[in-house]
C-alpha atoms as a PDB file:
ATOM      1  CA  UNK A   1     -10.408   6.882   7.036  1.00  0.00           C
ATOM      2  CA  UNK A   2      -7.856   7.446   9.790  1.00  0.00           C
ATOM      3  CA  UNK A   3      -8.486  10.592  11.854  1.00  0.00           C
ATOM      4  CA  UNK A   4      -5.880  13.232  11.117  1.00  0.00           C
ATOM      5  CA  UNK A   5      -4.252  13.240  14.545  1.00  0.00           C
ATOM      6  CA  UNK A   6      -4.081   9.446  14.670  1.00  0.00           C
ATOM      7  CA  UNK A   7      -2.467   9.446  11.249  1.00  0.00           C
ATOM      8  CA  UNK A   8       0.193  11.860  12.399  1.00  0.00           C
ATOM      9  CA  UNK A   9       0.822   9.792  15.510  1.00  0.00           C
ATOM     10  CA  UNK A  10       1.115   6.578  13.557  1.00  0.00           C
ATOM     11  CA  UNK A  11       3.285   7.847  10.746  1.00  0.00           C
ATOM     12  CA  UNK A  12       5.567  10.413  12.243  1.00  0.00           C
ATOM     13  CA  UNK A  13       6.904   9.092  15.508  1.00  0.00           C
ATOM     14  CA  UNK A  14      10.698   9.321  15.431  1.00  0.00           C
ATOM     15  CA  UNK A  15      12.573   6.331  14.097  1.00  0.00           C
ATOM     16  CA  UNK A  16      14.835   4.399  16.435  1.00  0.00           C
ATOM     17  CA  UNK A  17      18.292   3.273  15.412  1.00  0.00           C
ATOM     18  CA  UNK A  18      17.467   4.697  11.959  1.00  0.00           C
ATOM     19  CA  UNK A  19      14.837   1.963  11.546  1.00  0.00           C
ATOM     20  CA  UNK A  20      11.122   2.344  10.899  1.00  0.00           C
ATOM     21  CA  UNK A  21       8.574   0.744  13.240  1.00  0.00           C
ATOM     22  CA  UNK A  22       6.348  -2.242  12.471  1.00  0.00           C
ATOM     23  CA  UNK A  23       2.546  -2.154  12.517  1.00  0.00           C
ATOM     24  CA  UNK A  24       0.782  -5.286  13.732  1.00  0.00           C
ATOM     25  CA  UNK A  25      -2.801  -4.089  14.251  1.00  0.00           C
ATOM     26  CA  UNK A  26      -5.400  -1.923  12.469  1.00  0.00           C
ATOM     27  CA  UNK A  27      -5.018   0.875  15.017  1.00  0.00           C
ATOM     28  CA  UNK A  28      -1.526   1.404  13.578  1.00  0.00           C
ATOM     29  CA  UNK A  29       0.279   1.459  16.900  1.00  0.00           C
ATOM     30  CA  UNK A  30       4.002   1.544  16.026  1.00  0.00           C
ATOM     31  CA  UNK A  31       6.282  -1.141  17.467  1.00  0.00           C
ATOM     32  CA  UNK A  32      10.069  -1.044  17.240  1.00  0.00           C
ATOM     33  CA  UNK A  33      11.768  -4.429  17.176  1.00  0.00           C
ATOM     34  CA  UNK A  34      15.153  -5.862  16.328  1.00  0.00           C
ATOM     35  CA  UNK A  35      15.868  -9.488  15.378  1.00  0.00           C
ATOM     36  CA  UNK A  36      16.940 -10.056  18.981  1.00  0.00           C
ATOM     37  CA  UNK A  37      13.603  -8.947  20.454  1.00  0.00           C
ATOM     38  CA  UNK A  38      10.734 -11.171  21.499  1.00  0.00           C
ATOM     39  CA  UNK A  39       7.963 -10.841  18.964  1.00  0.00           C
ATOM     40  CA  UNK A  40      10.215 -10.137  15.981  1.00  0.00           C
ATOM     41  CA  UNK A  41       9.467 -13.526  14.438  1.00  0.00           C
ATOM     42  CA  UNK A  42       5.708 -12.993  14.751  1.00  0.00           C
ATOM     43  CA  UNK A  43       5.448  -9.519  13.207  1.00  0.00           C
ATOM     44  CA  UNK A  44       2.301  -9.178  11.091  1.00  0.00           C
ATOM     45  CA  UNK A  45       2.891  -9.958   7.409  1.00  0.00           C
ATOM     46  CA  UNK A  46       0.688  -9.550   4.346  1.00  0.00           C
ATOM     47  CA  UNK A  47      -1.304 -12.692   3.583  1.00  0.00           C
ATOM     48  CA  UNK A  48      -0.867 -14.573   0.311  1.00  0.00           C
ATOM     49  CA  UNK A  49      -2.724 -13.028  -2.615  1.00  0.00           C
ATOM     50  CA  UNK A  50      -3.278 -13.577  -6.326  1.00  0.00           C
ATOM     51  CA  UNK A  51      -4.644 -10.864  -8.639  1.00  0.00           C
ATOM     52  CA  UNK A  52      -4.273  -9.814 -12.283  1.00  0.00           C
ATOM     53  CA  UNK A  53      -2.562  -6.617 -13.438  1.00  0.00           C
ATOM     54  CA  UNK A  54      -3.232  -4.249 -16.344  1.00  0.00           C
ATOM     55  CA  UNK A  55      -1.401  -6.588 -18.723  1.00  0.00           C
ATOM     56  CA  UNK A  56      -3.339  -9.671 -17.698  1.00  0.00           C
ATOM     57  CA  UNK A  57      -0.370 -11.053 -15.756  1.00  0.00           C
ATOM     58  CA  UNK A  58      -0.964 -12.882 -12.482  1.00  0.00           C
ATOM     59  CA  UNK A  59       0.591 -11.007  -9.554  1.00  0.00           C
ATOM     60  CA  UNK A  60       1.098 -12.802  -6.239  1.00  0.00           C
ATOM     61  CA  UNK A  61       3.025 -12.243  -3.039  1.00  0.00           C
ATOM     62  CA  UNK A  62       5.892 -14.071  -4.772  1.00  0.00           C
ATOM     63  CA  UNK A  63       5.991 -11.220  -7.306  1.00  0.00           C
ATOM     64  CA  UNK A  64       6.771  -8.773  -4.500  1.00  0.00           C
ATOM     65  CA  UNK A  65       9.170 -10.980  -2.510  1.00  0.00           C
ATOM     66  CA  UNK A  66      12.318  -9.065  -1.608  1.00  0.00           C
ATOM     67  CA  UNK A  67      10.821  -5.779  -2.840  1.00  0.00           C
ATOM     68  CA  UNK A  68       9.685  -2.662  -1.020  1.00  0.00           C
ATOM     69  CA  UNK A  69       6.226  -1.683  -2.197  1.00  0.00           C
ATOM     70  CA  UNK A  70       3.397   0.756  -1.602  1.00  0.00           C
ATOM     71  CA  UNK A  71      -0.167  -0.601  -1.633  1.00  0.00           C
ATOM     72  CA  UNK A  72      -3.350   1.395  -2.097  1.00  0.00           C
ATOM     73  CA  UNK A  73      -6.986   0.939  -3.084  1.00  0.00           C
ATOM     74  CA  UNK A  74      -8.786   2.961  -5.778  1.00  0.00           C
ATOM     75  CA  UNK A  75     -11.218   2.685  -8.671  1.00  0.00           C
ATOM     76  CA  UNK A  76     -10.936   4.140 -12.142  1.00  0.00           C
ATOM     77  CA  UNK A  77     -14.298   5.947 -12.051  1.00  0.00           C
ATOM     78  CA  UNK A  78     -13.503   7.714  -8.765  1.00  0.00           C
ATOM     79  CA  UNK A  79     -13.721  11.493  -8.973  1.00  0.00           C
ATOM     80  CA  UNK A  80     -12.946  12.573  -5.396  1.00  0.00           C
ATOM     81  CA  UNK A  81      -9.944  11.241  -3.437  1.00  0.00           C
ATOM     82  CA  UNK A  82      -8.535   8.868  -6.066  1.00  0.00           C
ATOM     83  CA  UNK A  83      -7.248  11.400  -8.623  1.00  0.00           C
ATOM     84  CA  UNK A  84      -5.171  13.248  -6.017  1.00  0.00           C
ATOM     85  CA  UNK A  85      -3.964   9.988  -4.490  1.00  0.00           C
ATOM     86  CA  UNK A  86      -2.920   8.529  -7.844  1.00  0.00           C
ATOM     87  CA  UNK A  87      -1.242  11.796  -8.904  1.00  0.00           C
ATOM     88  CA  UNK A  88       0.735  11.728  -5.667  1.00  0.00           C
ATOM     89  CA  UNK A  89       1.693   8.093  -6.217  1.00  0.00           C
ATOM     90  CA  UNK A  90       3.062   9.159  -9.590  1.00  0.00           C
ATOM     91  CA  UNK A  91       5.594  11.228  -7.638  1.00  0.00           C
ATOM     92  CA  UNK A  92       6.703   8.050  -5.871  1.00  0.00           C
ATOM     93  CA  UNK A  93       6.966   6.312  -9.236  1.00  0.00           C
ATOM     94  CA  UNK A  94       9.140   9.133 -10.553  1.00  0.00           C
ATOM     95  CA  UNK A  95      11.320   9.243  -7.433  1.00  0.00           C
ATOM     96  CA  UNK A  96      12.234   5.567  -7.886  1.00  0.00           C
ATOM     97  CA  UNK A  97      11.995   5.352 -11.670  1.00  0.00           C
ATOM     98  CA  UNK A  98      15.385   3.666 -11.982  1.00  0.00           C
ATOM     99  CA  UNK A  99      15.191   1.661  -8.770  1.00  0.00           C
ATOM    100  CA  UNK A 100      13.971  -1.897  -9.338  1.00  0.00           C
ATOM    101  CA  UNK A 101      13.772  -2.501  -5.586  1.00  0.00           C
ATOM    102  CA  UNK A 102      10.555  -0.472  -5.312  1.00  0.00           C
ATOM    103  CA  UNK A 103       7.050  -1.302  -6.619  1.00  0.00           C
ATOM    104  CA  UNK A 104       3.560   0.206  -6.444  1.00  0.00           C
ATOM    105  CA  UNK A 105       0.409  -1.935  -6.201  1.00  0.00           C
ATOM    106  CA  UNK A 106      -2.973  -0.258  -6.728  1.00  0.00           C
ATOM    107  CA  UNK A 107      -5.957  -2.550  -6.136  1.00  0.00           C
ATOM    108  CA  UNK A 108      -9.332  -1.756  -7.698  1.00  0.00           C
ATOM    109  CA  UNK A 109     -12.225  -1.759  -5.232  1.00  0.00           C
ATOM    110  CA  UNK A 110     -14.662  -2.110  -8.156  1.00  0.00           C
ATOM    111  CA  UNK A 111     -12.971  -5.053  -9.873  1.00  0.00           C
ATOM    112  CA  UNK A 112     -16.042  -6.150 -11.841  1.00  0.00           C
ATOM    113  CA  UNK A 113     -15.952  -2.783 -13.618  1.00  0.00           C
ATOM    114  CA  UNK A 114     -12.190  -2.387 -13.642  1.00  0.00           C
ATOM    115  CA  UNK A 115     -11.221  -5.315 -15.849  1.00  0.00           C
ATOM    116  CA  UNK A 116      -7.820  -5.731 -17.487  1.00  0.00           C
ATOM    117  CA  UNK A 117      -8.765  -3.621 -20.504  1.00  0.00           C
ATOM    118  CA  UNK A 118     -10.067  -0.765 -18.344  1.00  0.00           C
ATOM    119  CA  UNK A 119      -6.955  -0.807 -16.167  1.00  0.00           C
ATOM    120  CA  UNK A 120      -4.695  -0.868 -19.228  1.00  0.00           C
ATOM    121  CA  UNK A 121      -6.396   2.222 -20.659  1.00  0.00           C
ATOM    122  CA  UNK A 122      -6.266   3.981 -17.290  1.00  0.00           C
ATOM    123  CA  UNK A 123      -2.551   3.226 -16.985  1.00  0.00           C
ATOM    124  CA  UNK A 124      -1.877   4.657 -20.447  1.00  0.00           C
ATOM    125  CA  UNK A 125      -3.816   7.851 -19.747  1.00  0.00           C
ATOM    126  CA  UNK A 126      -2.015   8.399 -16.436  1.00  0.00           C
ATOM    127  CA  UNK A 127       1.486   7.515 -17.681  1.00  0.00           C
ATOM    128  CA  UNK A 128       1.842   4.573 -15.318  1.00  0.00           C
ATOM    129  CA  UNK A 129       5.046   2.565 -15.743  1.00  0.00           C
ATOM    130  CA  UNK A 130       3.841  -1.020 -15.973  1.00  0.00           C
ATOM    131  CA  UNK A 131       7.218  -2.400 -14.921  1.00  0.00           C
ATOM    132  CA  UNK A 132       6.999  -0.628 -11.573  1.00  0.00           C
ATOM    133  CA  UNK A 133       3.330   0.120 -10.957  1.00  0.00           C
ATOM    134  CA  UNK A 134       0.696  -2.620 -11.172  1.00  0.00           C
ATOM    135  CA  UNK A 135      -3.036  -1.920 -11.269  1.00  0.00           C
ATOM    136  CA  UNK A 136      -4.739  -5.012  -9.889  1.00  0.00           C
ATOM    137  CA  UNK A 137      -8.158  -6.596 -10.338  1.00  0.00           C
ATOM    138  CA  UNK A 138      -9.676  -9.879  -9.231  1.00  0.00           C
ATOM    139  CA  UNK A 139     -12.168 -11.241  -6.743  1.00  0.00           C
ATOM    140  CA  UNK A 140     -13.872  -8.413  -4.836  1.00  0.00           C
ATOM    141  CA  UNK A 141     -14.186 -10.432  -1.586  1.00  0.00           C
ATOM    142  CA  UNK A 142     -10.482 -11.311  -1.809  1.00  0.00           C
ATOM    143  CA  UNK A 143      -9.445  -7.694  -2.436  1.00  0.00           C
ATOM    144  CA  UNK A 144     -11.617  -6.359   0.387  1.00  0.00           C
ATOM    145  CA  UNK A 145     -10.447  -8.984   2.863  1.00  0.00           C
ATOM    146  CA  UNK A 146      -6.793  -8.362   2.004  1.00  0.00           C
ATOM    147  CA  UNK A 147      -7.286  -4.596   2.231  1.00  0.00           C
ATOM    148  CA  UNK A 148      -8.946  -4.657   5.627  1.00  0.00           C
ATOM    149  CA  UNK A 149      -7.358  -7.603   7.417  1.00  0.00           C
ATOM    150  CA  UNK A 150      -3.878  -7.714   5.890  1.00  0.00           C
ATOM    151  CA  UNK A 151      -3.081  -4.091   4.978  1.00  0.00           C
ATOM    152  CA  UNK A 152      -5.417  -2.551   7.609  1.00  0.00           C
ATOM    153  CA  UNK A 153      -6.209  -0.064   4.846  1.00  0.00           C
ATOM    154  CA  UNK A 154      -9.653   0.744   6.221  1.00  0.00           C
ATOM    155  CA  UNK A 155      -8.228   1.215   9.763  1.00  0.00           C
ATOM    156  CA  UNK A 156      -9.733  -0.328  12.894  1.00  0.00           C
ATOM    157  CA  UNK A 157     -13.336   0.632  12.104  1.00  0.00           C
ATOM    158  CA  UNK A 158     -13.264  -1.319   8.847  1.00  0.00           C
ATOM    159  CA  UNK A 159     -11.363  -4.404   9.981  1.00  0.00           C
ATOM    160  CA  UNK A 160     -14.429  -6.648  10.240  1.00  0.00           C
ATOM    161  CA  UNK A 161     -16.532  -5.159   7.444  1.00  0.00           C
ATOM    162  CA  UNK A 162     -17.597  -7.458   4.626  1.00  0.00           C
ATOM    163  CA  UNK A 163     -17.178  -7.241   0.854  1.00  0.00           C
ATOM    164  CA  UNK A 164     -20.694  -5.793   0.570  1.00  0.00           C
ATOM    165  CA  UNK A 165     -19.569  -2.674   2.480  1.00  0.00           C
ATOM    166  CA  UNK A 166     -17.779  -0.332   0.101  1.00  0.00           C
ATOM    167  CA  UNK A 167     -14.080   0.277   0.644  1.00  0.00           C
ATOM    168  CA  UNK A 168     -12.920   3.851   0.028  1.00  0.00           C
ATOM    169  CA  UNK A 169      -9.710   5.066   1.624  1.00  0.00           C
ATOM    170  CA  UNK A 170      -6.853   7.435   0.843  1.00  0.00           C
ATOM    171  CA  UNK A 171      -4.401   5.370   2.879  1.00  0.00           C
ATOM    172  CA  UNK A 172      -1.105   4.286   1.338  1.00  0.00           C
ATOM    173  CA  UNK A 173       0.587   1.369   3.079  1.00  0.00           C
ATOM    174  CA  UNK A 174       4.358   0.856   2.990  1.00  0.00           C
ATOM    175  CA  UNK A 175       5.484  -2.780   2.911  1.00  0.00           C
ATOM    176  CA  UNK A 176       9.064  -3.925   3.436  1.00  0.00           C
ATOM    177  CA  UNK A 177      11.087  -6.622   1.713  1.00  0.00           C
ATOM    178  CA  UNK A 178       9.606  -9.323   3.956  1.00  0.00           C
ATOM    179  CA  UNK A 179       5.975  -8.325   3.554  1.00  0.00           C
ATOM    180  CA  UNK A 180       5.640  -6.352   6.804  1.00  0.00           C
ATOM    181  CA  UNK A 181       3.826  -3.032   7.276  1.00  0.00           C
ATOM    182  CA  UNK A 182       6.261  -0.206   8.016  1.00  0.00           C
ATOM    183  CA  UNK A 183       4.167   2.921   7.479  1.00  0.00           C
ATOM    184  CA  UNK A 184       0.753   4.370   6.584  1.00  0.00           C
ATOM    185  CA  UNK A 185       0.207   7.716   4.857  1.00  0.00           C
ATOM    186  CA  UNK A 186      -2.603   9.945   3.665  1.00  0.00           C
ATOM    187  CA  UNK A 187      -2.228   9.674  -0.089  1.00  0.00           C
ATOM    188  CA  UNK A 188      -4.098  12.922  -0.745  1.00  0.00           C
ATOM    189  CA  UNK A 189      -1.514  15.075   1.057  1.00  0.00           C
ATOM    190  CA  UNK A 190       1.738  16.043  -0.731  1.00  0.00           C
ATOM    191  CA  UNK A 191       3.588  16.365   2.594  1.00  0.00           C
ATOM    192  CA  UNK A 192       2.751  12.749   3.396  1.00  0.00           C
ATOM    193  CA  UNK A 193       4.149  11.694   0.013  1.00  0.00           C
ATOM    194  CA  UNK A 194       7.440  13.402   0.811  1.00  0.00           C
ATOM    195  CA  UNK A 195       7.565  11.448   4.066  1.00  0.00           C
ATOM    196  CA  UNK A 196       6.725   8.212   2.234  1.00  0.00           C
ATOM    197  CA  UNK A 197       9.552   8.738  -0.242  1.00  0.00           C
ATOM    198  CA  UNK A 198      11.980   9.444   2.614  1.00  0.00           C
ATOM    199  CA  UNK A 199      10.790   6.337   4.481  1.00  0.00           C
ATOM    200  CA  UNK A 200      11.295   4.136   1.421  1.00  0.00           C
ATOM    201  CA  UNK A 201      14.876   5.333   1.289  1.00  0.00           C
ATOM    202  CA  UNK A 202      15.210   4.528   4.999  1.00  0.00           C
ATOM    203  CA  UNK A 203      13.984   0.992   4.381  1.00  0.00           C
ATOM    204  CA  UNK A 204      16.518   0.563   1.592  1.00  0.00           C
ATOM    205  CA  UNK A 205      19.272   1.578   4.020  1.00  0.00           C
ATOM    206  CA  UNK A 206      17.898  -0.395   6.958  1.00  0.00           C
ATOM    207  CA  UNK A 207      20.012  -3.173   8.434  1.00  0.00           C
END
């Protein structure tokens, strides 16, 4: 979990040239770059992945190519932070209901329990639009490694933890059309969701 003040620092520094920063490390230090800057070509990108969604369809990084998406980590039996986080993500779903440029990817951190059938039922109960919002299951080590070392979802303290150390975070991670991290938000806070929605619109307008 990112300390509150660090979260505010990471997420809410002013944009430059109407562009959002990049995040290359699990401490979420923002970096502003243009294509002309040194380091632009080596910006951190999300590693290749392959999971299965609530319909049994294989979802990979190719499925998200050219899309803006929000990634998070949850489990269907969660009764503390997950319900608020998923309810807030529903607001993002609704805000971009008719916008096929935006996706949501929710990865189960208890994938052996959250099989395709369980995720399908959960999606139906929570009115999740399967065309826009994918609930993902698969290999637990693969999900945990991707969460911690690609999305930095467990922040710096969790970067080197293994799959045997439970992953539980309210972080939402904003990914741009080229698979780069452009924001991190506390998914349990409505104000953060408003900022996330605004930042998605900024990415859509970004040049």
